[in-house]
């Protein structure tokens, strides 16, 4: 079973991203769970940051969100769980070549 990375509104997105990237490197998938708008915001930012971290390893990830009911201190709450998985390898896009400006017949301006 995959461990669930729980995110709160106060979580540092870079720290969560590091945790996501570490789990992905080891297990090739991760679960990220958040309750509340602030926590969901931090979770999404962390997934985007983790994608950047994993691109350095040649991995690309995707995520699928789902609603889940969880028990928090005896109270049932609705959370959003993001299933994060390796999509494939990452190949950086080619850098476009800068066009060479056409030659001009105008003389160079004086210094």
N, C-alpha and C. Protein backbone atom coordinates (compact mmCIF):
# COMPACT_ATOMS: atom_id res chain seq x y z
N UNK A 1 0.84 -1.18 0.00
CA UNK A 1 0.00 0.00 0.00
C UNK A 1 0.88 1.25 0.00
N UNK A 2 0.45 2.24 -0.71
CA UNK A 2 1.19 3.49 -0.82
C UNK A 2 0.88 4.36 0.38
N UNK A 3 1.91 4.94 1.00
CA UNK A 3 1.69 5.89 2.09
C UNK A 3 1.08 7.17 1.52
N UNK A 4 0.22 7.80 2.29
CA UNK A 4 -0.42 9.04 1.87
C UNK A 4 0.33 10.23 2.43
N UNK A 5 0.70 11.16 1.56
CA UNK A 5 1.35 12.40 1.98
C UNK A 5 0.22 13.38 2.29
N UNK A 6 0.10 13.77 3.56
CA UNK A 6 -0.98 14.67 3.97
C UNK A 6 -0.48 16.10 3.98
N UNK A 7 -1.26 16.98 3.35
CA UNK A 7 -0.87 18.37 3.17
C UNK A 7 -1.87 19.27 3.90
N UNK A 8 -1.36 20.26 4.60
CA UNK A 8 -2.23 21.25 5.25
C UNK A 8 -2.00 22.61 4.58
N UNK A 9 -2.83 23.56 4.93
CA UNK A 9 -2.67 24.91 4.37
C UNK A 9 -1.36 25.53 4.80
N UNK A 10 -0.80 25.08 5.92
CA UNK A 10 0.46 25.63 6.43
C UNK A 10 1.69 24.87 5.93
N UNK A 11 1.50 23.81 5.15
CA UNK A 11 2.63 23.04 4.63
C UNK A 11 3.45 23.88 3.66
N UNK A 12 4.77 23.73 3.73
CA UNK A 12 5.64 24.40 2.76
C UNK A 12 5.61 23.58 1.47
N UNK A 13 5.22 24.21 0.37
CA UNK A 13 5.07 23.48 -0.88
C UNK A 13 6.37 22.83 -1.34
N UNK A 14 7.52 23.48 -1.09
CA UNK A 14 8.79 22.88 -1.51
C UNK A 14 9.12 21.63 -0.69
N UNK A 15 8.77 21.63 0.60
CA UNK A 15 9.01 20.45 1.43
C UNK A 15 8.12 19.29 0.98
N UNK A 16 6.85 19.59 0.70
CA UNK A 16 5.94 18.56 0.21
C UNK A 16 6.41 18.05 -1.15
N UNK A 17 6.88 18.95 -2.00
CA UNK A 17 7.39 18.55 -3.32
C UNK A 17 8.57 17.59 -3.18
N UNK A 18 9.45 17.86 -2.24
CA UNK A 18 10.58 16.96 -2.00
C UNK A 18 10.10 15.58 -1.56
N UNK A 19 9.08 15.55 -0.70
CA UNK A 19 8.53 14.27 -0.26
C UNK A 19 7.89 13.52 -1.43
N UNK A 20 7.14 14.23 -2.25
CA UNK A 20 6.51 13.60 -3.42
C UNK A 20 7.58 13.04 -4.35
N UNK A 21 8.59 13.84 -4.65
CA UNK A 21 9.65 13.39 -5.56
C UNK A 21 10.37 12.17 -5.00
N UNK A 22 10.63 12.16 -3.69
CA UNK A 22 11.29 11.02 -3.07
C UNK A 22 10.48 9.74 -3.19
N UNK A 23 9.17 9.84 -2.92
CA UNK A 23 8.30 8.67 -3.02
C UNK A 23 8.21 8.20 -4.47
N UNK A 24 8.08 9.14 -5.40
CA UNK A 24 7.99 8.78 -6.83
C UNK A 24 9.27 8.06 -7.27
N UNK A 25 10.43 8.56 -6.86
CA UNK A 25 11.69 7.91 -7.24
C UNK A 25 11.75 6.47 -6.73
N UNK A 26 11.23 6.23 -5.53
CA UNK A 26 11.29 4.90 -4.93
C UNK A 26 10.18 3.98 -5.42
N UNK A 27 8.94 4.49 -5.48
CA UNK A 27 7.79 3.63 -5.73
C UNK A 27 7.09 3.86 -7.06
N UNK A 28 7.47 4.92 -7.77
CA UNK A 28 6.87 5.28 -9.07
C UNK A 28 5.44 5.79 -8.97
N UNK A 29 4.89 5.91 -7.74
CA UNK A 29 3.57 6.54 -7.56
C UNK A 29 3.46 7.05 -6.14
N UNK A 30 2.54 7.99 -5.93
CA UNK A 30 2.34 8.58 -4.61
C UNK A 30 0.89 9.03 -4.48
N UNK A 31 0.45 9.15 -3.23
CA UNK A 31 -0.87 9.71 -2.93
C UNK A 31 -0.66 10.97 -2.11
N UNK A 32 -1.31 12.05 -2.53
CA UNK A 32 -1.23 13.32 -1.81
C UNK A 32 -2.65 13.69 -1.42
N UNK A 33 -2.87 13.96 -0.14
CA UNK A 33 -4.22 14.22 0.35
C UNK A 33 -4.31 15.59 1.01
N UNK A 34 -5.41 16.29 0.74
CA UNK A 34 -5.62 17.63 1.30
C UNK A 34 -7.08 17.83 1.66
N UNK A 35 -7.31 18.55 2.77
CA UNK A 35 -8.66 18.92 3.18
C UNK A 35 -8.71 20.44 3.28
N UNK A 36 -9.58 21.06 2.50
CA UNK A 36 -9.72 22.51 2.52
C UNK A 36 -9.01 23.17 1.36
N UNK A 37 -9.48 24.36 1.02
CA UNK A 37 -8.97 25.08 -0.15
C UNK A 37 -7.49 25.42 -0.02
N UNK A 38 -7.06 25.89 1.15
CA UNK A 38 -5.65 26.24 1.33
C UNK A 38 -4.74 25.04 1.20
N UNK A 39 -5.18 23.91 1.73
CA UNK A 39 -4.38 22.68 1.64
C UNK A 39 -4.32 22.18 0.20
N UNK A 40 -5.45 22.26 -0.51
CA UNK A 40 -5.47 21.84 -1.92
C UNK A 40 -4.53 22.73 -2.73
N UNK A 41 -4.52 24.02 -2.46
CA UNK A 41 -3.62 24.94 -3.14
C UNK A 41 -2.16 24.53 -2.93
N UNK A 42 -1.79 24.26 -1.69
CA UNK A 42 -0.42 23.87 -1.39
C UNK A 42 -0.08 22.54 -2.06
N UNK A 43 -1.03 21.61 -2.09
CA UNK A 43 -0.80 20.31 -2.71
C UNK A 43 -0.54 20.44 -4.21
N UNK A 44 -1.36 21.24 -4.88
CA UNK A 44 -1.18 21.43 -6.33
C UNK A 44 0.15 22.09 -6.62
N UNK A 45 0.51 23.11 -5.84
CA UNK A 45 1.82 23.76 -6.04
C UNK A 45 2.94 22.75 -5.83
N UNK A 46 2.81 21.91 -4.81
CA UNK A 46 3.84 20.91 -4.52
C UNK A 46 3.98 19.91 -5.66
N UNK A 47 2.88 19.49 -6.24
CA UNK A 47 2.94 18.54 -7.36
C UNK A 47 3.64 19.19 -8.55
N UNK A 48 3.34 20.45 -8.82
CA UNK A 48 4.00 21.15 -9.93
C UNK A 48 5.50 21.29 -9.67
N UNK A 49 5.88 21.62 -8.44
CA UNK A 49 7.30 21.75 -8.09
C UNK A 49 7.98 20.39 -8.18
N UNK A 50 7.32 19.34 -7.69
CA UNK A 50 7.89 17.99 -7.75
C UNK A 50 8.13 17.57 -9.20
N UNK A 51 7.24 17.98 -10.08
CA UNK A 51 7.43 17.66 -11.50
C UNK A 51 8.75 18.24 -12.00
N UNK A 52 9.05 19.47 -11.59
CA UNK A 52 10.32 20.08 -11.96
C UNK A 52 11.50 19.32 -11.37
N UNK A 53 11.39 18.91 -10.10
CA UNK A 53 12.47 18.14 -9.48
C UNK A 53 12.71 16.83 -10.24
N UNK A 54 11.63 16.17 -10.62
CA UNK A 54 11.75 14.86 -11.26
C UNK A 54 12.21 14.95 -12.71
N UNK A 55 12.00 16.10 -13.34
CA UNK A 55 12.48 16.27 -14.71
C UNK A 55 14.00 16.16 -14.75
N UNK A 56 14.66 16.58 -13.68
CA UNK A 56 16.12 16.45 -13.61
C UNK A 56 16.55 14.99 -13.62
N UNK A 57 15.64 14.08 -13.22
CA UNK A 57 15.91 12.64 -13.24
C UNK A 57 15.38 11.99 -14.51
N UNK A 58 14.82 12.79 -15.41
CA UNK A 58 14.28 12.25 -16.66
C UNK A 58 12.89 11.65 -16.50
N UNK A 59 12.18 11.96 -15.39
CA UNK A 59 10.84 11.41 -15.17
C UNK A 59 9.80 12.50 -15.35
N UNK A 60 8.64 12.12 -15.90
CA UNK A 60 7.51 13.04 -16.01
C UNK A 60 6.36 12.43 -15.23
N UNK A 61 5.59 13.26 -14.54
CA UNK A 61 4.48 12.75 -13.73
C UNK A 61 3.17 13.38 -14.17
N UNK A 62 2.08 12.76 -13.79
CA UNK A 62 0.74 13.28 -13.98
C UNK A 62 -0.03 12.99 -12.70
N UNK A 63 -1.16 13.64 -12.52
CA UNK A 63 -1.96 13.34 -11.33
C UNK A 63 -3.44 13.30 -11.68
N UNK A 64 -4.17 12.51 -10.90
CA UNK A 64 -5.62 12.40 -11.04
C UNK A 64 -6.25 12.68 -9.68
N UNK A 65 -7.10 13.71 -9.59
CA UNK A 65 -7.75 14.01 -8.31
C UNK A 65 -9.02 13.18 -8.11
N UNK A 66 -9.32 12.91 -6.85
CA UNK A 66 -10.57 12.22 -6.51
C UNK A 66 -11.02 12.66 -5.13
N UNK A 67 -12.32 12.63 -4.90
CA UNK A 67 -12.86 12.92 -3.58
C UNK A 67 -12.85 11.64 -2.77
N UNK A 68 -12.46 11.75 -1.50
CA UNK A 68 -12.50 10.61 -0.58
C UNK A 68 -13.05 11.08 0.76
N UNK A 69 -13.71 10.19 1.46
CA UNK A 69 -14.21 10.46 2.80
C UNK A 69 -13.17 9.93 3.78
N UNK A 70 -12.73 10.78 4.70
CA UNK A 70 -11.72 10.38 5.68
C UNK A 70 -12.22 10.70 7.09
N UNK A 71 -11.71 9.94 8.06
CA UNK A 71 -12.06 10.16 9.45
C UNK A 71 -11.00 11.05 10.09
N UNK A 72 -11.41 12.19 10.60
CA UNK A 72 -10.51 13.11 11.29
C UNK A 72 -11.05 13.31 12.70
N UNK A 73 -10.37 12.74 13.67
CA UNK A 73 -10.78 12.85 15.09
C UNK A 73 -12.24 12.43 15.29
N UNK A 74 -12.62 11.32 14.66
CA UNK A 74 -13.97 10.80 14.81
C UNK A 74 -15.02 11.49 13.97
N UNK A 75 -14.61 12.46 13.17
CA UNK A 75 -15.54 13.20 12.30
C UNK A 75 -15.22 12.88 10.85
N UNK A 76 -16.26 12.61 10.06
CA UNK A 76 -16.04 12.31 8.65
C UNK A 76 -15.91 13.60 7.86
N UNK A 77 -14.83 13.69 7.09
CA UNK A 77 -14.55 14.88 6.27
C UNK A 77 -14.33 14.45 4.83
N UNK A 78 -14.58 15.35 3.91
CA UNK A 78 -14.29 15.10 2.50
C UNK A 78 -12.93 15.69 2.19
N UNK A 79 -12.07 14.86 1.62
CA UNK A 79 -10.73 15.29 1.23
C UNK A 79 -10.58 15.12 -0.27
N UNK A 80 -9.59 15.77 -0.81
CA UNK A 80 -9.20 15.52 -2.20
C UNK A 80 -7.89 14.76 -2.15
N UNK A 81 -7.87 13.63 -2.83
CA UNK A 81 -6.66 12.82 -2.91
C UNK A 81 -6.17 12.86 -4.36
N UNK A 82 -4.90 13.19 -4.51
CA UNK A 82 -4.28 13.22 -5.83
C UNK A 82 -3.43 11.97 -5.99
N UNK A 83 -3.76 11.18 -6.99
CA UNK A 83 -2.95 10.01 -7.31
C UNK A 83 -1.89 10.50 -8.29
N UNK A 84 -0.63 10.45 -7.88
CA UNK A 84 0.48 10.94 -8.69
C UNK A 84 1.24 9.74 -9.21
N UNK A 85 1.48 9.72 -10.50
CA UNK A 85 2.10 8.55 -11.13
C UNK A 85 3.11 9.00 -12.18
N UNK A 86 4.07 8.14 -12.46
CA UNK A 86 5.03 8.42 -13.52
C UNK A 86 4.32 8.24 -14.85
N UNK A 87 4.40 9.25 -15.69
CA UNK A 87 3.78 9.19 -17.02
C UNK A 87 4.76 8.64 -18.04
N UNK A 88 6.02 8.88 -17.85
CA UNK A 88 7.04 8.43 -18.78
C UNK A 88 8.31 9.20 -18.54
N UNK A 89 9.12 9.24 -19.55
CA UNK A 89 10.38 9.98 -19.42
C UNK A 89 10.19 11.39 -19.93
N UNK A 90 11.03 12.26 -19.45
CA UNK A 90 10.94 13.67 -19.83
C UNK A 90 12.09 14.00 -20.76
N UNK A 91 11.76 14.59 -21.88
CA UNK A 91 12.76 15.11 -22.80
C UNK A 91 12.54 16.60 -22.89
N UNK A 92 13.54 17.40 -22.51
CA UNK A 92 13.33 18.85 -22.57
C UNK A 92 13.08 19.31 -24.00
N UNK A 93 12.21 20.29 -24.17
CA UNK A 93 11.94 20.78 -25.53
C UNK A 93 13.19 21.44 -26.11
N UNK A 94 13.31 21.32 -27.42
CA UNK A 94 14.44 21.94 -28.10
C UNK A 94 14.30 23.45 -28.03
N UNK A 95 15.42 24.12 -27.84
CA UNK A 95 15.40 25.58 -27.80
C UNK A 95 15.30 26.10 -29.23
N UNK A 96 14.35 26.98 -29.48
CA UNK A 96 14.22 27.51 -30.84
C UNK A 96 15.42 28.38 -31.19
N UNK A 97 15.81 28.30 -32.44
CA UNK A 97 16.92 29.14 -32.90
C UNK A 97 16.42 30.57 -33.09
N UNK A 98 17.26 31.49 -32.71
CA UNK A 98 16.92 32.90 -32.90
C UNK A 98 17.18 33.26 -34.36
N UNK A 99 16.22 33.88 -35.01
CA UNK A 99 16.42 34.25 -36.41
C UNK A 99 17.50 35.33 -36.53
N UNK A 100 18.26 35.23 -37.60
CA UNK A 100 19.28 36.25 -37.87
C UNK A 100 18.60 37.43 -38.53
N UNK A 101 18.84 38.64 -38.03
CA UNK A 101 18.20 39.80 -38.66
C UNK A 101 18.73 40.00 -40.07
N UNK A 102 17.88 40.46 -40.97
CA UNK A 102 18.34 40.68 -42.35
C UNK A 102 19.34 41.83 -42.39
N UNK A 103 20.27 41.77 -43.35
CA UNK A 103 21.24 42.87 -43.47
C UNK A 103 20.54 44.15 -43.91
N UNK A 104 21.08 45.26 -43.47
CA UNK A 104 20.52 46.55 -43.87
C UNK A 104 21.55 47.30 -44.71
N UNK A 105 21.06 48.18 -45.57
CA UNK A 105 21.94 48.99 -46.41
C UNK A 105 22.27 50.31 -45.74
N UNK A 106 21.73 50.53 -44.56
CA UNK A 106 21.96 51.79 -43.87
C UNK A 106 23.33 51.79 -43.22
N UNK A 107 24.01 52.94 -43.26
CA UNK A 107 25.32 53.01 -42.61
C UNK A 107 25.15 52.97 -41.09
N UNK A 108 26.18 52.52 -40.43
CA UNK A 108 26.16 52.46 -38.96
C UNK A 108 26.09 53.87 -38.40
N UNK A 109 25.38 54.09 -37.30
CA UNK A 109 25.29 55.43 -36.71
C UNK A 109 26.66 55.86 -36.18
N UNK A 110 26.94 57.16 -36.22
CA UNK A 110 28.24 57.63 -35.71
C UNK A 110 28.30 57.47 -34.19
N UNK A 111 29.50 57.31 -33.69
CA UNK A 111 29.70 57.15 -32.23
C UNK A 111 29.54 58.41 -31.49
